Protein backbone atom coordinates (compact mmCIF):
# COMPACT_ATOMS: atom_id res chain seq x y z
CA MET A 1 27.38 -17.72 24.86
CA THR A 2 24.49 -15.08 23.57
CA ASP A 3 24.25 -15.41 19.97
CA ASP A 4 22.77 -12.58 18.96
CA GLY A 5 22.17 -13.11 15.04
CA ARG A 6 23.92 -13.92 12.28
CA ILE A 7 22.32 -12.92 9.04
CA ARG A 8 22.99 -14.39 5.71
CA ARG A 9 21.46 -14.54 2.47
CA ALA A 10 18.53 -16.98 1.80
CA GLY A 11 18.58 -19.07 -0.97
CA ALA A 12 16.52 -21.84 -3.28
CA ASP A 13 16.98 -24.06 -0.48
CA ASP A 14 15.37 -22.13 2.51
CA ALA A 15 11.99 -21.99 0.57
CA GLN A 16 10.73 -24.79 3.20
CA THR A 17 12.11 -22.41 6.32
CA LEU A 18 11.12 -19.28 4.93
CA SER A 19 7.51 -21.08 4.33
CA ALA A 20 7.12 -21.62 8.08
CA LEU A 21 9.41 -18.64 9.42
CA SER A 22 6.87 -16.04 7.17
CA ALA A 23 3.76 -18.15 8.40
CA GLU A 24 4.58 -18.46 12.46
CA THR A 25 5.88 -14.90 12.43
CA PHE A 26 3.02 -13.21 10.92
CA CYS A 27 0.58 -14.75 13.22
CA ALA A 28 2.64 -13.85 16.22
CA ALA A 29 1.88 -10.14 14.77
CA PHE A 30 -1.36 -9.96 13.57
CA ALA A 31 -3.59 -13.61 14.19
CA HIS A 32 -5.45 -11.42 17.34
CA LEU A 33 -6.39 -8.82 14.64
CA TYR A 34 -8.79 -11.66 11.99
CA PRO A 35 -11.06 -14.01 12.44
CA ALA A 36 -8.94 -17.32 12.21
CA ALA A 37 -10.72 -18.49 8.62
CA ASP A 38 -9.45 -15.53 7.03
CA LEU A 39 -6.04 -15.46 9.06
CA ALA A 40 -5.94 -19.10 7.37
CA ALA A 41 -6.89 -18.45 4.13
CA PHE A 42 -4.34 -16.16 3.80
CA VAL A 43 -1.52 -17.68 5.34
CA GLU A 44 -1.90 -20.35 3.59
CA GLU A 45 -1.48 -18.61 -0.25
CA ALA A 46 0.94 -15.41 1.02
CA TYR A 47 3.28 -17.70 3.09
CA ALA A 48 2.90 -21.27 0.62
CA VAL A 49 6.22 -23.57 -0.14
CA GLU A 50 5.86 -22.89 -3.41
CA ARG A 51 5.71 -19.35 -3.23
CA SER A 52 8.60 -18.47 -0.60
CA ARG A 53 10.31 -21.02 -3.02
CA ALA A 54 9.63 -18.98 -6.81
CA GLN A 55 9.83 -15.18 -4.57
CA LEU A 56 13.78 -16.80 -3.20
CA ALA A 57 14.35 -18.07 -7.27
CA ASP A 58 13.26 -14.36 -8.71
CA PRO A 59 16.86 -11.93 -8.91
CA ARG A 60 14.43 -8.72 -8.25
CA ILE A 61 13.54 -10.32 -4.77
CA ALA A 62 16.48 -10.67 -2.08
CA THR A 63 15.55 -11.96 1.46
CA TRP A 64 17.85 -12.55 4.04
CA LEU A 65 17.64 -14.49 7.51
CA MET A 66 18.46 -14.08 10.47
CA GLU A 67 19.49 -17.32 12.87
CA ALA A 68 20.73 -17.76 16.27
CA HIS A 69 21.86 -21.28 17.53
CA GLY A 70 21.49 -22.85 14.46
CA GLU A 71 17.74 -21.76 13.56
CA ALA A 72 16.00 -19.10 11.66
CA ILE A 73 14.27 -16.40 13.86
CA GLY A 74 13.65 -13.56 11.74
CA TYR A 75 14.32 -12.71 7.81
CA ALA A 76 13.35 -9.57 5.82
CA MET A 77 13.19 -8.98 2.23
CA ALA A 78 13.31 -6.41 -0.40
CA GLY A 79 12.84 -6.17 -4.25
CA PRO A 80 10.40 -4.01 -6.35
CA CYS A 81 7.68 -1.56 -5.37
CA ALA A 82 4.69 -3.57 -5.61
CA LEU A 83 1.87 -0.67 -3.30
CA PRO A 84 -0.46 0.83 -4.63
CA HIS A 85 0.48 3.84 -5.73
CA PRO A 86 0.76 6.64 -9.12
CA GLU A 87 4.84 7.34 -8.65
CA VAL A 88 5.44 4.19 -7.93
CA THR A 89 7.98 3.08 -10.78
CA PRO A 90 9.25 -0.29 -12.04
CA ALA A 91 13.00 1.85 -10.49
CA CYS A 92 11.20 1.91 -7.35
CA GLY A 93 12.26 -0.38 -4.31
CA GLU A 94 10.09 -1.50 -1.42
CA LEU A 95 11.23 -3.80 2.07
CA LYS A 96 8.50 -5.93 1.72
CA ARG A 97 8.98 -8.08 5.33
CA ILE A 98 10.55 -7.19 8.31
CA TYR A 99 9.81 -10.15 11.13
CA LEU A 100 11.43 -11.30 14.05
CA GLN A 101 10.33 -14.19 16.51
CA PRO A 102 8.83 -11.99 19.66
CA SER A 103 11.25 -13.65 21.46
CA TRP A 104 14.03 -12.27 19.27
CA GLN A 105 12.62 -8.76 19.37
CA GLY A 106 14.51 -5.38 20.49
CA GLY A 107 18.64 -6.07 20.82
CA GLY A 108 19.06 -4.51 17.46
CA ARG A 109 18.68 -7.44 16.23
CA GLY A 110 15.37 -5.58 13.94
CA SER A 111 17.41 -3.01 13.04
CA ARG A 112 20.37 -4.97 11.49
CA LEU A 113 17.78 -6.79 9.77
CA LEU A 114 16.61 -3.42 8.38
CA ALA A 115 19.81 -2.06 7.68
CA THR A 116 20.66 -4.81 5.64
CA ALA A 117 18.02 -4.58 3.60
CA LEU A 118 18.01 -1.02 2.95
CA ALA A 119 21.63 -1.43 2.29
CA TRP A 120 21.28 -3.94 -0.31
CA LEU A 121 17.92 -1.83 -1.83
CA GLU A 122 20.45 1.70 -1.74
CA ALA A 123 22.81 -0.59 -3.95
CA ASP A 124 21.09 0.84 -6.86
CA THR A 125 20.65 4.77 -6.08
CA ALA A 126 18.58 5.24 -8.66
CA ARG A 127 15.79 4.06 -7.09
CA SER A 128 13.49 5.85 -4.36
CA LEU A 129 12.55 3.28 -1.33
CA TRP A 130 8.89 2.87 -0.52
CA ILE A 131 7.13 0.46 2.60
CA GLY A 132 3.83 -0.07 3.54
CA VAL A 133 3.08 -0.53 7.05
CA TRP A 134 -0.06 -1.04 9.13
CA SER A 135 -1.66 1.61 10.59
CA GLU A 136 -1.12 1.10 14.00
CA ASN A 137 2.48 0.02 13.43
CA PHE A 138 3.31 2.19 15.89
CA GLY A 139 7.16 1.31 16.40
CA ALA A 140 7.85 1.13 13.16
CA GLN A 141 6.69 3.85 12.07
CA ARG A 142 8.42 6.06 14.01
CA LEU A 143 11.58 3.93 13.32
CA TYR A 144 10.93 4.97 9.30
CA GLU A 145 10.59 8.11 10.20
CA ARG A 146 13.84 8.97 11.74
CA MET A 147 15.47 7.05 8.91
CA GLY A 148 13.60 9.97 6.55
CA PHE A 149 10.94 8.05 4.98
CA ALA A 150 7.15 9.44 5.47
CA LYS A 151 3.89 9.21 4.57
CA VAL A 152 2.53 9.38 0.68
CA GLY A 153 -0.60 7.31 0.78
CA GLU A 154 -2.63 4.81 2.61
CA TYR A 155 -4.01 1.58 0.92
CA GLU A 156 -6.29 -1.47 2.39
CA PHE A 157 -4.07 -4.68 2.99
CA LYS A 158 -6.53 -8.03 2.39
CA VAL A 159 -6.26 -10.89 4.81
CA GLY A 160 -8.84 -12.75 3.34
CA GLN A 161 -12.27 -10.98 4.07
CA SER A 162 -11.16 -8.52 6.64
CA ARG A 163 -9.50 -4.98 5.73
CA ASP A 164 -5.84 -3.30 7.58
CA ARG A 165 -5.31 0.48 7.11
CA GLU A 166 -1.95 0.54 5.46
CA PHE A 167 0.24 3.79 5.36
CA ILE A 168 2.41 3.88 2.68
CA LEU A 169 5.79 5.00 3.43
CA ARG A 170 8.61 6.27 0.21
CA ARG A 171 12.26 8.02 1.18
CA GLY A 172 13.88 9.32 -1.51
């Protein structure tokens, strides 16, 4: 029997799971780009259990876990836009993260997570929607473009002493 992944809204009890899954999926996707010390410092700060707990407790932020066979295999997070762009206002919403474990990528799972997060963001019809995406993630850029997002800026994403070129996309 296959399990294509069940999506559920994460809650306070999921902080440890979210923290571990965040670190695992980020490292799987990007560890090859950074010196070990930069990666370790970033993961320790960005995906600390206490930080995940605070995000899960914030009513302005929503996180969904995708689970298969009783284990978390991916997640999406959305909330107020924090991207460095002059047109961002407190009313803007952002897809903050969307990750799947590499062995679970494909089969439409990422698209299902994305649709869940965007539906939550779009429930507030006054919001314009924003996404930050790595400049070298061409597949994600094509997907977001098909969904009506357009590049409106760039910024540097910091991982320790390393800097990545990121694109800022907006829809609405």
